[in-house]
Protein backbone atom coordinates (compact mmCIF):
# COMPACT_ATOMS: atom_id res chain seq x y z
CA MET A 1 0.00 0.00 0.00
CA LEU A 2 1.24 3.47 -0.81
CA SER A 3 1.10 6.04 1.99
CA LYS A 4 0.69 9.79 1.63
CA ARG A 5 4.28 10.35 2.69
CA GLY A 6 7.22 11.21 0.49
CA ARG A 7 7.37 12.99 -2.82
CA PRO A 8 4.00 13.84 -4.33
CA ARG A 9 5.26 13.88 -7.93
CA LEU A 10 6.86 10.46 -7.51
CA ARG A 11 3.59 9.07 -6.16
CA HIS A 12 1.72 10.67 -9.06
CA PHE A 13 4.06 9.11 -11.63
CA LEU A 14 3.82 5.73 -9.88
CA TYR A 15 0.04 6.02 -10.15
CA LEU A 16 0.28 6.82 -13.87
CA ILE A 17 2.70 3.93 -14.46
CA THR A 18 0.42 1.56 -12.59
CA MET A 19 -2.67 2.68 -14.51
CA CYS A 20 -0.79 2.20 -17.78
CA MET A 21 0.34 -1.27 -16.66
CA VAL A 22 -3.21 -2.25 -15.68
CA MET A 23 -4.37 -1.28 -19.16
CA THR A 24 -1.53 -2.95 -21.11
CA ASN A 25 0.14 -5.67 -19.00
CA PRO A 26 -1.94 -8.88 -18.70
CA GLU A 27 -0.28 -9.97 -15.42
CA VAL A 28 -0.99 -6.67 -13.67
CA ARG A 29 -4.51 -6.63 -15.13
CA ALA A 30 -5.08 -10.12 -13.73
CA LEU A 31 -3.82 -9.04 -10.30
CA HIS A 32 -6.13 -6.01 -10.35
CA HIS A 33 -9.07 -8.20 -11.37
CA TYR A 34 -8.22 -10.66 -8.58
CA ASN A 35 -8.06 -7.85 -6.01
CA VAL A 36 -11.40 -6.40 -7.09
CA GLU A 37 -13.38 -9.58 -7.73
CA GLU A 38 -11.95 -12.11 -5.27
CA LYS A 39 -10.59 -10.00 -2.42
CA LYS A 40 -13.49 -7.51 -2.75
CA LEU A 41 -11.23 -4.44 -2.70
CA LYS A 42 -12.47 -1.20 -4.18
CA LYS A 43 -10.86 -0.38 -7.51
CA MET A 44 -8.81 2.57 -6.23
CA LYS A 45 -7.57 0.59 -3.23
CA SER A 46 -6.44 -2.16 -5.60
CA ILE A 47 -4.63 0.41 -7.76
CA MET A 48 -2.85 1.83 -4.70
CA LYS A 49 -1.83 -1.68 -3.64
CA LEU A 50 -0.45 -2.28 -7.12
CA CYS A 51 1.41 1.06 -6.94
CA GLY A 52 3.36 -0.32 -4.01
CA LYS A 53 4.10 -3.51 -5.92
CA VAL A 54 5.26 -1.57 -8.98
CA ALA A 55 7.48 0.63 -6.78
CA ARG A 56 9.10 -2.43 -5.18
CA MET A 57 9.49 -3.99 -8.62
CA LEU A 58 11.21 -0.88 -10.01
CA VAL A 59 13.59 -0.65 -7.05
CA GLY A 60 14.47 -4.35 -7.41
CA LEU A 61 15.06 -3.99 -11.13
CA ALA A 62 17.26 -0.93 -10.57
CA LYS A 63 19.32 -2.65 -7.87
CA SER A 64 19.87 -5.86 -9.82
CA SER A 65 20.16 -4.05 -13.18
CA GLU A 66 18.25 -6.87 -14.85
CA ALA A 67 15.67 -6.58 -17.59
CA TYR A 68 11.97 -6.95 -16.76
CA ASP A 69 10.87 -10.58 -16.72
CA SER A 70 7.22 -11.16 -15.86
CA SER A 71 7.87 -14.73 -14.67
CA LYS A 72 10.17 -13.39 -11.94
CA VAL A 73 7.94 -10.49 -10.96
CA PHE A 74 4.60 -12.35 -11.12
CA PRO A 75 5.42 -16.02 -10.54
CA GLN A 76 1.79 -16.99 -9.80
CA ALA A 77 0.66 -15.83 -13.25
CA ALA A 78 3.15 -18.05 -15.09
């Protein structure tokens, strides 16, 4: 979950990245659908939860300097 602390512009860009990923990436779309339909989260709460996941994913990719691989990031979808 993403808190209201930290840099507002960074949070805004994370939100935009997450929204774009929900629209284009099938794994993230499936996670969002699972959060909304199965876990009964509201849509915005699911998006905020995914923002945290995307932020952790970006930090991990930057630290390891590896390319994005959906099977490593979303192993349950593979």
